[in-house]
């Protein structure tokens, strides 16, 4: 079983723990639930299925049953708090603590650059703008951003992008994008790293409805009732669609005239019915 700091979902960690124990000793959901103190023999299974949340009083009991030690105990508790955070402010606070644990205790070769790149919307935006503008000054790049940012922020971001190899500065002062793709070894870590950026981009999309002329943006949506099977199929289609968009951008060598953000958002507006 993987170290706990390679998990972002406490439900997945409980499920993997159960599966491993079941293979070794015929462990059952009934015996697992009884050890934690639940009368319902499948309550923990229902928690893993997302039907119920693990309450704080049960956290102290389940970490004992799962034989967690040292930093594993507060990290598991942190994952529970992160999953059940009621506000974005709390979620962001727990997010920062999760990242700190991962950086300190993960045995996987996670690179800080990956976390740092995806934590700020400025990194991908300035990368695109700097490489598209010919001999642009930092003040020009700052002015081109929506929303506008300070020259100091642009300078700091350019230095970071150069340092990690995503931008290269030519002798004439022009910036060019490299072919390097920043990635994380453990793909499960990507959502946690990108949380802040996604929150910011969602806010920018909201602002665009008011501040950007309708002929310069395309914002639409669907509200629909679907099954779990249909949800998974739609997600597959979104993945394929994203690949098609990437191919359009990479294969067409037209000069960049503007930097756009495409958000693909599919989220529930009700509890399971």
Protein backbone atom coordinates (compact mmCIF):
# COMPACT_ATOMS: atom_id res chain seq x y z
CA UNK A 1 0.00 0.00 0.00
CA UNK A 2 1.28 3.45 -0.91
CA UNK A 3 2.35 5.92 1.81
CA UNK A 4 -0.53 8.02 3.08
CA UNK A 5 1.03 11.28 1.82
CA UNK A 6 0.50 10.02 -1.72
CA UNK A 7 -3.27 10.17 -1.11
CA UNK A 8 -5.46 13.24 -1.46
CA UNK A 9 -8.76 11.48 -0.72
CA UNK A 10 -9.19 9.91 2.71
CA UNK A 11 -11.99 7.69 1.36
CA UNK A 12 -9.59 6.19 -1.19
CA UNK A 13 -7.03 5.57 1.55
CA UNK A 14 -9.60 3.76 3.72
CA UNK A 15 -10.71 1.67 0.73
CA UNK A 16 -7.14 0.67 -0.17
CA UNK A 17 -6.45 -0.21 3.46
CA UNK A 18 -9.53 -2.43 3.49
CA UNK A 19 -8.61 -4.15 0.22
CA UNK A 20 -5.08 -4.90 1.40
CA UNK A 21 -6.25 -6.32 4.73
CA UNK A 22 -8.96 -8.36 3.01
CA UNK A 23 -6.40 -9.99 0.71
CA UNK A 24 -4.14 -10.85 3.63
CA UNK A 25 -6.59 -12.05 6.26
CA UNK A 26 -10.19 -12.20 5.02
CA UNK A 27 -10.90 -8.78 6.53
CA UNK A 28 -14.58 -7.74 6.16
CA UNK A 29 -16.45 -4.45 6.22
CA UNK A 30 -18.35 -5.78 9.23
CA UNK A 31 -15.22 -6.47 11.27
CA UNK A 32 -13.67 -3.16 10.14
CA UNK A 33 -16.75 -1.17 11.16
CA UNK A 34 -17.01 -3.00 14.50
CA UNK A 35 -13.37 -2.22 15.34
CA UNK A 36 -14.01 1.47 14.72
CA UNK A 37 -17.22 1.33 16.77
CA UNK A 38 -19.95 1.59 14.14
CA UNK A 39 -23.08 -0.52 14.61
CA UNK A 40 -23.88 -0.43 10.89
CA UNK A 41 -21.70 -3.25 9.43
CA UNK A 42 -21.25 -1.49 6.09
CA UNK A 43 -20.99 2.09 7.35
CA UNK A 44 -17.33 2.42 6.40
CA UNK A 45 -18.08 1.07 2.95
CA UNK A 46 -20.81 3.68 2.59
CA UNK A 47 -18.31 6.34 3.64
CA UNK A 48 -15.92 5.13 0.93
CA UNK A 49 -18.82 5.26 -1.55
CA UNK A 50 -19.41 8.91 -0.62
CA UNK A 51 -22.82 8.34 0.98
CA UNK A 52 -21.67 9.56 4.41
CA UNK A 53 -18.86 11.67 5.81
CA UNK A 54 -16.41 10.52 8.47
CA UNK A 55 -17.08 12.60 11.58
CA UNK A 56 -14.34 13.97 13.81
CA UNK A 57 -15.03 11.57 16.70
CA UNK A 58 -14.56 8.58 14.39
CA UNK A 59 -11.23 9.91 13.08
CA UNK A 60 -9.51 9.27 16.42
CA UNK A 61 -10.77 5.67 16.41
CA UNK A 62 -10.07 4.78 12.79
CA UNK A 63 -6.44 5.95 12.87
CA UNK A 64 -5.88 3.47 15.70
CA UNK A 65 -7.51 0.62 13.77
CA UNK A 66 -5.45 1.45 10.68
CA UNK A 67 -2.34 1.61 12.88
CA UNK A 68 -1.28 5.05 11.71
CA UNK A 69 1.75 6.54 13.43
CA UNK A 70 3.58 9.84 13.69
CA UNK A 71 2.81 12.37 10.95
CA UNK A 72 0.32 9.92 9.37
CA UNK A 73 -2.25 10.69 12.07
CA UNK A 74 -2.46 14.48 11.62
CA UNK A 75 -2.24 14.06 7.82
CA UNK A 76 -5.24 11.70 7.76
CA UNK A 77 -7.19 14.13 9.95
CA UNK A 78 -6.16 16.95 7.61
CA UNK A 79 -7.49 15.05 4.58
CA UNK A 80 -10.85 14.63 6.34
CA UNK A 81 -10.99 18.34 7.19
CA UNK A 82 -10.00 19.27 3.64
CA UNK A 83 -12.72 17.08 2.14
CA UNK A 84 -15.42 18.50 4.41
CA UNK A 85 -14.39 22.18 4.45
CA UNK A 86 -17.51 24.36 4.40
CA UNK A 87 -15.94 27.49 2.88
CA UNK A 88 -13.34 28.20 0.20
CA UNK A 89 -11.25 30.03 2.79
CA UNK A 90 -11.06 26.94 5.00
CA UNK A 91 -10.46 24.70 2.01
CA UNK A 92 -7.55 26.88 0.90
CA UNK A 93 -6.05 26.81 4.39
CA UNK A 94 -6.23 23.01 4.52
CA UNK A 95 -4.88 22.87 0.97
CA UNK A 96 -1.72 24.72 2.01
CA UNK A 97 -1.23 22.35 4.96
CA UNK A 98 -1.69 19.30 2.72
CA UNK A 99 0.97 20.60 0.32
CA UNK A 100 3.34 21.23 3.24
CA UNK A 101 2.93 17.62 4.44
CA UNK A 102 3.47 16.25 0.93
CA UNK A 103 6.63 18.27 0.43
CA UNK A 104 8.06 17.24 3.79
CA UNK A 105 7.10 13.59 4.07
CA UNK A 106 6.43 12.20 0.59
CA UNK A 107 8.94 9.58 -0.58
CA UNK A 108 7.92 10.29 -4.18
CA UNK A 109 10.22 12.65 -6.04
CA UNK A 110 7.78 15.52 -6.16
CA UNK A 111 9.24 18.74 -7.53
CA UNK A 112 8.43 22.04 -5.83
CA UNK A 113 8.49 23.66 -9.27
CA UNK A 114 5.40 21.68 -10.27
CA UNK A 115 3.47 22.85 -7.22
CA UNK A 116 4.71 26.43 -7.61
CA UNK A 117 3.84 26.57 -11.31
CA UNK A 118 0.24 25.42 -10.89
CA UNK A 119 -0.41 27.48 -7.77
CA UNK A 120 -0.57 30.78 -9.68
CA UNK A 121 -2.54 31.73 -12.80
CA UNK A 122 0.19 34.25 -13.62
CA UNK A 123 2.67 31.54 -14.64
CA UNK A 124 0.85 30.09 -17.70
CA UNK A 125 -0.60 33.49 -18.71
CA UNK A 126 2.71 35.37 -18.62
CA UNK A 127 4.43 32.46 -20.36
CA UNK A 128 2.02 32.79 -23.28
CA UNK A 129 2.06 36.60 -23.40
CA UNK A 130 5.85 36.96 -23.14
CA UNK A 131 6.49 34.53 -25.97
CA UNK A 132 3.81 36.15 -28.18
CA UNK A 133 4.96 39.79 -27.77
CA UNK A 134 8.07 40.81 -29.72
CA UNK A 135 10.73 42.40 -27.52
CA UNK A 136 8.13 43.29 -24.93
CA UNK A 137 9.12 45.18 -21.80
CA UNK A 138 7.91 43.89 -18.44
CA UNK A 139 5.59 46.90 -18.24
CA UNK A 140 4.04 45.91 -21.59
CA UNK A 141 3.43 42.37 -20.35
CA UNK A 142 1.92 43.66 -17.10
CA UNK A 143 -0.41 45.97 -19.03
CA UNK A 144 -1.46 43.14 -21.39
CA UNK A 145 -2.63 40.87 -18.57
CA UNK A 146 -6.31 40.60 -17.65
CA UNK A 147 -6.51 41.40 -14.83
CA UNK A 148 -3.54 43.78 -14.94
CA UNK A 149 -0.70 42.94 -12.55
CA UNK A 150 2.34 44.79 -11.28
CA UNK A 151 5.64 44.99 -13.14
CA UNK A 152 7.31 43.43 -10.10
CA UNK A 153 5.03 40.40 -10.38
CA UNK A 154 5.88 40.05 -14.06
CA UNK A 155 9.62 40.21 -13.37
CA UNK A 156 9.34 37.64 -10.60
CA UNK A 157 7.27 35.30 -12.79
CA UNK A 158 9.61 35.62 -15.78
CA UNK A 159 12.59 34.76 -13.58
CA UNK A 160 10.74 31.71 -12.24
CA UNK A 161 9.74 30.53 -15.73
CA UNK A 162 13.32 30.92 -16.94
CA UNK A 163 14.71 29.09 -13.93
CA UNK A 164 12.49 26.04 -14.41
CA UNK A 165 13.08 26.02 -18.17
CA UNK A 166 9.63 26.94 -19.48
CA UNK A 167 10.82 30.22 -21.03
CA UNK A 168 14.10 31.07 -22.67
CA UNK A 169 15.38 34.63 -23.11
CA UNK A 170 17.22 35.33 -26.36
CA UNK A 171 20.15 37.75 -26.75
CA UNK A 172 17.82 40.33 -28.30
CA UNK A 173 15.62 40.23 -25.19
CA UNK A 174 12.78 38.25 -26.74
CA UNK A 175 11.24 35.31 -24.87
CA UNK A 176 10.46 31.97 -26.48
CA UNK A 177 8.59 29.00 -25.06
CA UNK A 178 10.59 25.82 -24.69
CA UNK A 179 9.17 22.40 -25.45
CA UNK A 180 9.59 21.38 -21.84
CA UNK A 181 6.35 20.27 -20.17
CA UNK A 182 6.20 20.62 -16.42
CA UNK A 183 4.63 17.56 -14.82
CA UNK A 184 4.33 15.69 -11.55
CA UNK A 185 5.33 12.06 -11.14
CA UNK A 186 2.21 11.20 -9.16
CA UNK A 187 -0.77 12.27 -11.27
CA UNK A 188 -3.06 12.22 -8.21
CA UNK A 189 -1.14 15.23 -6.90
CA UNK A 190 -2.14 17.42 -9.84
CA UNK A 191 -5.62 18.43 -8.57
CA UNK A 192 -4.25 19.63 -5.24
CA UNK A 193 -1.51 21.67 -6.89
CA UNK A 194 -3.92 23.31 -9.34
CA UNK A 195 -6.70 24.11 -6.83
CA UNK A 196 -5.77 27.78 -6.33
CA UNK A 197 -5.27 28.39 -10.04
CA UNK A 198 -8.63 26.82 -10.86
CA UNK A 199 -10.35 28.96 -8.24
CA UNK A 200 -8.81 32.10 -9.73
CA UNK A 201 -9.67 31.12 -13.30
CA UNK A 202 -13.29 30.42 -12.31
CA UNK A 203 -13.48 33.93 -10.81
CA UNK A 204 -12.00 35.44 -14.00
CA UNK A 205 -14.66 33.62 -16.04
CA UNK A 206 -17.33 35.19 -13.83
CA UNK A 207 -15.76 38.64 -14.26
CA UNK A 208 -15.59 38.16 -18.05
CA UNK A 209 -19.40 37.95 -18.22
CA UNK A 210 -19.55 41.55 -17.01
CA UNK A 211 -16.31 43.08 -18.29
CA UNK A 212 -15.58 41.43 -21.66
CA UNK A 213 -17.75 42.18 -24.74
CA UNK A 214 -19.91 39.23 -25.75
CA UNK A 215 -18.27 39.01 -29.19
CA UNK A 216 -14.88 38.41 -27.50
CA UNK A 217 -15.99 35.58 -25.25
CA UNK A 218 -18.16 32.47 -25.42
CA UNK A 219 -19.77 31.39 -22.17
CA UNK A 220 -22.60 28.89 -22.15
CA UNK A 221 -23.82 25.96 -20.11
CA UNK A 222 -26.20 23.04 -19.71
CA UNK A 223 -28.22 21.98 -16.70
CA UNK A 224 -29.20 18.32 -16.95
CA UNK A 225 -30.13 15.26 -14.97
CA UNK A 226 -27.74 12.37 -15.63
CA UNK A 227 -26.75 8.97 -14.29
CA UNK A 228 -23.33 7.94 -12.97
CA UNK A 229 -22.76 6.05 -16.23
CA UNK A 230 -23.58 9.13 -18.27
CA UNK A 231 -21.31 11.26 -16.07
CA UNK A 232 -18.33 9.01 -16.76
CA UNK A 233 -19.08 9.06 -20.50
CA UNK A 234 -19.27 12.86 -20.51
CA UNK A 235 -15.92 13.07 -18.71
CA UNK A 236 -14.39 10.87 -21.41
CA UNK A 237 -15.78 13.19 -24.09
CA UNK A 238 -14.35 16.22 -22.28
CA UNK A 239 -10.91 14.60 -22.18
CA UNK A 240 -11.10 13.90 -25.94
CA UNK A 241 -12.33 17.43 -26.59
CA UNK A 242 -9.42 18.93 -24.66
CA UNK A 243 -7.00 16.87 -26.77
CA UNK A 244 -8.63 18.21 -29.96
CA UNK A 245 -8.23 21.79 -28.73
CA UNK A 246 -4.55 21.15 -27.97
CA UNK A 247 -4.02 19.76 -31.48
CA UNK A 248 -5.68 22.82 -33.06
CA UNK A 249 -3.39 25.18 -31.14
CA UNK A 250 -0.21 23.17 -31.70
CA UNK A 251 -0.74 22.34 -35.40
CA UNK A 252 -1.92 25.76 -36.58
CA UNK A 253 1.14 28.04 -36.67
CA UNK A 254 -0.81 31.30 -36.85
CA UNK A 255 0.68 34.22 -34.94
CA UNK A 256 -0.68 34.53 -31.40
CA UNK A 257 -2.97 37.56 -31.14
CA UNK A 258 -4.43 37.06 -27.68
CA UNK A 259 -4.20 34.68 -24.70
CA UNK A 260 -7.41 32.83 -23.82
CA UNK A 261 -8.40 30.47 -21.03
CA UNK A 262 -10.83 27.59 -21.68
CA UNK A 263 -12.53 26.25 -18.55
CA UNK A 264 -14.25 22.87 -18.76
CA UNK A 265 -16.59 22.74 -15.79
CA UNK A 266 -18.89 19.85 -14.95
CA UNK A 267 -20.17 19.88 -11.39
CA UNK A 268 -23.23 18.72 -9.40
CA UNK A 269 -26.07 21.05 -8.48
CA UNK A 270 -27.85 18.50 -6.29
CA UNK A 271 -27.13 15.69 -3.90
CA UNK A 272 -27.57 12.13 -5.19
CA UNK A 273 -31.31 11.65 -5.75
